[in-house]
Amino acid sequence: MSDEDDQAVYAEFQDAVNMTPKQLEDWLDTDDSKSVGQKSGDGESAGHASGRRIVTILRTKKDDLSDDDVSHMRKVNGYVKRHLAQRPSGDVSDTPWRYSLMNWGHDPTK
């Protein structure tokens, strides 16, 4: 990851994903995590699959990240940014909006 743009994507990803790999793994095992998002043919939502991919990325050394990893980080950055802009009013602690963001590695209550 030597490209300057990739470095910026990585930095934004580090800001967007505020859950540790363990926190995200534990979250992905919950019924609340599995309850949100549109399911694909295999029954898993895109956000849930993304969360599993994020765990792998977080556990990969920065210098070992592939172009495909950087592409997924871009996708995560965009998703988190768009959904934060759609924050509902009131307490979001137990909302599908929060659960969806958490599947993408971002807990908006932190």
N, C-alpha and C. Protein backbone atom coordinates (compact mmCIF):
# COMPACT_ATOMS: atom_id res chain seq x y z
N MET A 1 0.85 -1.17 0.00
CA MET A 1 0.00 0.00 0.00
C MET A 1 0.89 1.24 0.00
N SER A 2 1.35 1.58 -1.16
CA SER A 2 2.28 2.70 -1.25
C SER A 2 1.65 3.94 -1.86
N ASP A 3 0.55 3.75 -2.55
CA ASP A 3 -0.13 4.86 -3.19
C ASP A 3 -0.68 5.84 -2.15
N GLU A 4 -0.54 7.12 -2.42
CA GLU A 4 -0.99 8.16 -1.48
C GLU A 4 -2.50 8.09 -1.26
N ASP A 5 -3.25 7.81 -2.33
CA ASP A 5 -4.70 7.68 -2.21
C ASP A 5 -5.06 6.49 -1.32
N ASP A 6 -4.35 5.37 -1.47
CA ASP A 6 -4.59 4.20 -0.63
C ASP A 6 -4.32 4.52 0.83
N GLN A 7 -3.31 5.33 1.08
CA GLN A 7 -2.99 5.73 2.46
C GLN A 7 -4.15 6.54 3.06
N ALA A 8 -4.74 7.40 2.24
CA ALA A 8 -5.87 8.20 2.70
C ALA A 8 -7.09 7.32 2.97
N VAL A 9 -7.32 6.34 2.11
CA VAL A 9 -8.42 5.39 2.30
C VAL A 9 -8.21 4.63 3.60
N TYR A 10 -6.98 4.19 3.84
CA TYR A 10 -6.66 3.45 5.06
C TYR A 10 -6.90 4.31 6.30
N ALA A 11 -6.48 5.55 6.26
CA ALA A 11 -6.67 6.45 7.41
C ALA A 11 -8.16 6.68 7.67
N GLU A 12 -8.93 6.88 6.62
CA GLU A 12 -10.38 7.09 6.78
C GLU A 12 -11.03 5.82 7.34
N PHE A 13 -10.58 4.67 6.88
CA PHE A 13 -11.09 3.38 7.36
C PHE A 13 -10.81 3.23 8.86
N GLN A 14 -9.62 3.62 9.27
CA GLN A 14 -9.26 3.53 10.69
C GLN A 14 -10.17 4.42 11.55
N ASP A 15 -10.62 5.53 10.99
CA ASP A 15 -11.55 6.41 11.70
C ASP A 15 -12.98 5.86 11.67
N ALA A 16 -13.38 5.31 10.53
CA ALA A 16 -14.75 4.83 10.36
C ALA A 16 -15.02 3.58 11.19
N VAL A 17 -14.07 2.67 11.23
CA VAL A 17 -14.25 1.41 11.96
C VAL A 17 -13.75 1.62 13.39
N ASN A 18 -14.71 1.74 14.30
CA ASN A 18 -14.34 2.03 15.69
C ASN A 18 -14.58 0.83 16.61
N MET A 19 -14.73 -0.34 16.02
CA MET A 19 -14.87 -1.57 16.80
C MET A 19 -13.62 -2.42 16.59
N THR A 20 -13.20 -3.11 17.63
CA THR A 20 -12.05 -4.00 17.51
C THR A 20 -12.48 -5.27 16.77
N PRO A 21 -11.53 -6.03 16.25
CA PRO A 21 -11.91 -7.28 15.60
C PRO A 21 -12.74 -8.19 16.52
N LYS A 22 -12.37 -8.29 17.78
CA LYS A 22 -13.10 -9.13 18.73
C LYS A 22 -14.50 -8.60 18.97
N GLN A 23 -14.63 -7.29 19.17
CA GLN A 23 -15.95 -6.70 19.36
C GLN A 23 -16.84 -6.96 18.15
N LEU A 24 -16.28 -6.80 16.96
CA LEU A 24 -17.06 -7.00 15.74
C LEU A 24 -17.43 -8.48 15.57
N GLU A 25 -16.51 -9.37 15.83
CA GLU A 25 -16.81 -10.81 15.75
C GLU A 25 -17.93 -11.18 16.72
N ASP A 26 -17.83 -10.71 17.96
CA ASP A 26 -18.86 -11.01 18.95
C ASP A 26 -20.21 -10.45 18.51
N TRP A 27 -20.20 -9.23 17.97
CA TRP A 27 -21.43 -8.60 17.49
C TRP A 27 -22.04 -9.42 16.35
N LEU A 28 -21.22 -9.85 15.41
CA LEU A 28 -21.73 -10.59 14.25
C LEU A 28 -22.38 -11.91 14.63
N ASP A 29 -22.07 -12.42 15.81
CA ASP A 29 -22.68 -13.67 16.30
C ASP A 29 -24.04 -13.46 16.93
N THR A 30 -24.49 -12.21 17.08
CA THR A 30 -25.76 -11.95 17.76
C THR A 30 -26.94 -12.00 16.79
N ASP A 31 -28.12 -12.25 17.36
CA ASP A 31 -29.35 -12.24 16.57
C ASP A 31 -29.64 -10.84 16.03
N ASP A 32 -29.32 -9.80 16.83
CA ASP A 32 -29.55 -8.42 16.37
C ASP A 32 -28.75 -8.13 15.12
N SER A 33 -27.52 -8.60 15.07
CA SER A 33 -26.67 -8.38 13.90
C SER A 33 -27.28 -9.05 12.67
N LYS A 34 -27.77 -10.24 12.86
CA LYS A 34 -28.32 -11.02 11.74
C LYS A 34 -29.71 -10.55 11.33
N SER A 35 -30.33 -9.69 12.13
CA SER A 35 -31.70 -9.28 11.87
C SER A 35 -31.82 -8.11 10.88
N VAL A 36 -30.71 -7.47 10.56
CA VAL A 36 -30.78 -6.27 9.71
C VAL A 36 -30.15 -6.52 8.34
N GLY A 37 -30.58 -5.71 7.38
CA GLY A 37 -30.02 -5.76 6.04
C GLY A 37 -30.78 -6.71 5.13
N GLN A 38 -30.62 -6.46 3.83
CA GLN A 38 -31.25 -7.32 2.84
C GLN A 38 -30.41 -8.58 2.68
N LYS A 39 -31.08 -9.71 2.76
CA LYS A 39 -30.39 -10.99 2.68
C LYS A 39 -30.17 -11.39 1.22
N SER A 40 -29.02 -12.01 0.98
CA SER A 40 -28.73 -12.53 -0.36
C SER A 40 -29.24 -13.97 -0.43
N GLY A 41 -28.93 -14.64 -1.49
CA GLY A 41 -29.38 -16.01 -1.70
C GLY A 41 -28.94 -16.97 -0.61
N ASP A 42 -27.80 -16.69 0.02
CA ASP A 42 -27.31 -17.58 1.08
C ASP A 42 -27.86 -17.19 2.47
N GLY A 43 -28.72 -16.19 2.51
CA GLY A 43 -29.35 -15.79 3.76
C GLY A 43 -28.56 -14.78 4.59
N GLU A 44 -27.39 -14.36 4.09
CA GLU A 44 -26.57 -13.39 4.82
C GLU A 44 -26.69 -12.03 4.16
N SER A 45 -26.82 -10.98 4.99
CA SER A 45 -26.90 -9.63 4.43
C SER A 45 -25.51 -9.17 3.98
N ALA A 46 -25.52 -8.18 3.11
CA ALA A 46 -24.25 -7.61 2.62
C ALA A 46 -23.45 -7.01 3.76
N GLY A 47 -24.13 -6.37 4.71
CA GLY A 47 -23.45 -5.77 5.85
C GLY A 47 -22.80 -6.81 6.74
N HIS A 48 -23.49 -7.92 6.94
CA HIS A 48 -22.95 -8.98 7.78
C HIS A 48 -21.71 -9.59 7.12
N ALA A 49 -21.78 -9.84 5.83
CA ALA A 49 -20.62 -10.36 5.09
C ALA A 49 -19.48 -9.35 5.13
N SER A 50 -19.82 -8.06 5.01
CA SER A 50 -18.81 -7.02 5.08
C SER A 50 -18.12 -7.02 6.44
N GLY A 51 -18.89 -7.21 7.50
CA GLY A 51 -18.32 -7.25 8.84
C GLY A 51 -17.28 -8.36 8.97
N ARG A 52 -17.57 -9.52 8.41
CA ARG A 52 -16.60 -10.61 8.46
C ARG A 52 -15.33 -10.24 7.70
N ARG A 53 -15.51 -9.56 6.58
CA ARG A 53 -14.36 -9.11 5.78
C ARG A 53 -13.56 -8.05 6.53
N ILE A 54 -14.24 -7.17 7.23
CA ILE A 54 -13.57 -6.12 8.01
C ILE A 54 -12.70 -6.74 9.10
N VAL A 55 -13.20 -7.77 9.76
CA VAL A 55 -12.41 -8.45 10.79
C VAL A 55 -11.10 -8.94 10.19
N THR A 56 -11.16 -9.53 9.01
CA THR A 56 -9.95 -10.02 8.34
C THR A 56 -9.01 -8.87 8.02
N ILE A 57 -9.55 -7.78 7.49
CA ILE A 57 -8.73 -6.61 7.15
C ILE A 57 -8.06 -6.05 8.41
N LEU A 58 -8.81 -5.94 9.49
CA LEU A 58 -8.25 -5.40 10.73
C LEU A 58 -7.11 -6.27 11.27
N ARG A 59 -7.15 -7.54 10.98
CA ARG A 59 -6.12 -8.46 11.47
C ARG A 59 -4.97 -8.64 10.49
N THR A 60 -5.00 -7.92 9.38
CA THR A 60 -3.95 -7.98 8.37
C THR A 60 -3.00 -6.81 8.54
N LYS A 61 -1.71 -7.09 8.44
CA LYS A 61 -0.72 -6.00 8.51
C LYS A 61 -0.97 -5.03 7.37
N LYS A 62 -0.78 -3.76 7.66
CA LYS A 62 -1.03 -2.72 6.66
C LYS A 62 -0.28 -2.99 5.36
N ASP A 63 0.97 -3.41 5.44
CA ASP A 63 1.77 -3.65 4.24
C ASP A 63 1.33 -4.89 3.46
N ASP A 64 0.51 -5.73 4.09
CA ASP A 64 0.04 -6.95 3.42
C ASP A 64 -1.36 -6.81 2.83
N LEU A 65 -1.96 -5.62 2.93
CA LEU A 65 -3.29 -5.42 2.38
C LEU A 65 -3.25 -5.40 0.86
N SER A 66 -4.22 -6.05 0.25
CA SER A 66 -4.29 -6.14 -1.21
C SER A 66 -5.11 -4.98 -1.78
N ASP A 67 -5.07 -4.85 -3.09
CA ASP A 67 -5.90 -3.84 -3.76
C ASP A 67 -7.37 -4.11 -3.49
N ASP A 68 -7.74 -5.39 -3.42
CA ASP A 68 -9.12 -5.77 -3.13
C ASP A 68 -9.50 -5.33 -1.71
N ASP A 69 -8.56 -5.45 -0.77
CA ASP A 69 -8.81 -4.97 0.60
C ASP A 69 -9.05 -3.47 0.61
N VAL A 70 -8.22 -2.74 -0.12
CA VAL A 70 -8.36 -1.28 -0.19
C VAL A 70 -9.71 -0.91 -0.82
N SER A 71 -10.11 -1.66 -1.83
CA SER A 71 -11.40 -1.44 -2.46
C SER A 71 -12.54 -1.65 -1.45
N HIS A 72 -12.42 -2.68 -0.63
CA HIS A 72 -13.46 -2.91 0.38
C HIS A 72 -13.44 -1.81 1.44
N MET A 73 -12.26 -1.34 1.81
CA MET A 73 -12.17 -0.24 2.77
C MET A 73 -12.88 1.00 2.23
N ARG A 74 -12.74 1.26 0.93
CA ARG A 74 -13.44 2.39 0.30
C ARG A 74 -14.95 2.22 0.45
N LYS A 75 -15.42 0.99 0.21
CA LYS A 75 -16.84 0.69 0.31
C LYS A 75 -17.33 0.93 1.75
N VAL A 76 -16.56 0.48 2.72
CA VAL A 76 -16.90 0.68 4.14
C VAL A 76 -16.96 2.17 4.46
N ASN A 77 -15.96 2.91 4.02
CA ASN A 77 -15.91 4.35 4.28
C ASN A 77 -17.16 5.04 3.74
N GLY A 78 -17.54 4.70 2.53
CA GLY A 78 -18.72 5.31 1.92
C GLY A 78 -20.00 4.94 2.66
N TYR A 79 -20.13 3.67 3.01
CA TYR A 79 -21.33 3.21 3.72
C TYR A 79 -21.47 3.94 5.06
N VAL A 80 -20.41 3.96 5.84
CA VAL A 80 -20.46 4.59 7.16
C VAL A 80 -20.80 6.08 7.02
N LYS A 81 -20.16 6.74 6.09
CA LYS A 81 -20.41 8.18 5.89
C LYS A 81 -21.87 8.44 5.51
N ARG A 82 -22.39 7.67 4.56
CA ARG A 82 -23.78 7.86 4.12
C ARG A 82 -24.77 7.59 5.25
N HIS A 83 -24.55 6.52 5.98
CA HIS A 83 -25.51 6.16 7.02
C HIS A 83 -25.43 7.07 8.25
N LEU A 84 -24.27 7.58 8.56
CA LEU A 84 -24.18 8.55 9.66
C LEU A 84 -24.97 9.81 9.33
N ALA A 85 -25.01 10.16 8.05
CA ALA A 85 -25.76 11.35 7.62
C ALA A 85 -27.26 11.14 7.74
N GLN A 86 -27.70 9.88 7.88
CA GLN A 86 -29.12 9.55 7.98
C GLN A 86 -29.54 9.23 9.42
N ARG A 87 -28.79 9.69 10.37
CA ARG A 87 -29.05 9.38 11.79
C ARG A 87 -30.48 9.76 12.17
N PRO A 88 -31.22 8.80 12.73
CA PRO A 88 -32.57 9.12 13.18
C PRO A 88 -32.52 9.94 14.47
N SER A 89 -33.62 10.59 14.78
CA SER A 89 -33.67 11.37 16.02
C SER A 89 -33.90 10.43 17.21
N GLY A 90 -33.58 10.93 18.37
CA GLY A 90 -33.81 10.18 19.59
C GLY A 90 -32.69 9.21 19.91
N ASP A 91 -32.97 8.32 20.84
CA ASP A 91 -32.02 7.32 21.29
C ASP A 91 -31.87 6.25 20.22
N VAL A 92 -30.66 6.03 19.77
CA VAL A 92 -30.42 5.07 18.68
C VAL A 92 -29.86 3.74 19.19
N SER A 93 -29.80 3.57 20.50
CA SER A 93 -29.15 2.40 21.09
C SER A 93 -29.66 1.07 20.54
N ASP A 94 -30.96 0.92 20.46
CA ASP A 94 -31.55 -0.34 20.02
C ASP A 94 -32.33 -0.16 18.73
N THR A 95 -31.65 0.32 17.71
CA THR A 95 -32.32 0.58 16.43
C THR A 95 -31.67 -0.20 15.29
N PRO A 96 -32.43 -0.55 14.27
CA PRO A 96 -31.84 -1.19 13.10
C PRO A 96 -30.75 -0.33 12.46
N TRP A 97 -30.91 1.00 12.55
CA TRP A 97 -29.90 1.90 11.99
C TRP A 97 -28.54 1.65 12.64
N ARG A 98 -28.52 1.58 13.97
CA ARG A 98 -27.27 1.31 14.68
C ARG A 98 -26.76 -0.09 14.37
N TYR A 99 -27.65 -1.07 14.39
CA TYR A 99 -27.24 -2.45 14.14
C TYR A 99 -26.59 -2.59 12.76
N SER A 100 -27.17 -1.92 11.78
CA SER A 100 -26.62 -1.96 10.44
C SER A 100 -25.22 -1.37 10.39
N LEU A 101 -25.05 -0.22 11.03
CA LEU A 101 -23.72 0.39 11.08
C LEU A 101 -22.71 -0.50 11.80
N MET A 102 -23.16 -1.14 12.85
CA MET A 102 -22.26 -2.02 13.60
C MET A 102 -21.81 -3.21 12.74
N ASN A 103 -22.69 -3.70 11.87
CA ASN A 103 -22.27 -4.77 10.96
C ASN A 103 -21.11 -4.31 10.06
N TRP A 104 -21.02 -3.03 9.84
CA TRP A 104 -19.95 -2.45 9.02
C TRP A 104 -18.80 -1.93 9.89
N GLY A 105 -18.80 -2.29 11.17
CA GLY A 105 -17.67 -1.98 12.03
C GLY A 105 -17.72 -0.66 12.77
N HIS A 106 -18.86 0.05 12.67
CA HIS A 106 -18.96 1.36 13.31
C HIS A 106 -20.09 1.35 14.33
N ASP A 107 -19.77 1.60 15.59
CA ASP A 107 -20.78 1.74 16.63
C ASP A 107 -20.99 3.23 16.87
N PRO A 108 -22.12 3.78 16.44
CA PRO A 108 -22.35 5.22 16.56
C PRO A 108 -22.55 5.69 17.99
N THR A 109 -22.67 4.79 18.95
CA THR A 109 -22.83 5.20 20.34
C THR A 109 -21.49 5.34 21.05
N LYS A 110 -20.40 5.05 20.37
CA LYS A 110 -19.06 5.19 20.97
C LYS A 110 -18.59 6.63 20.84
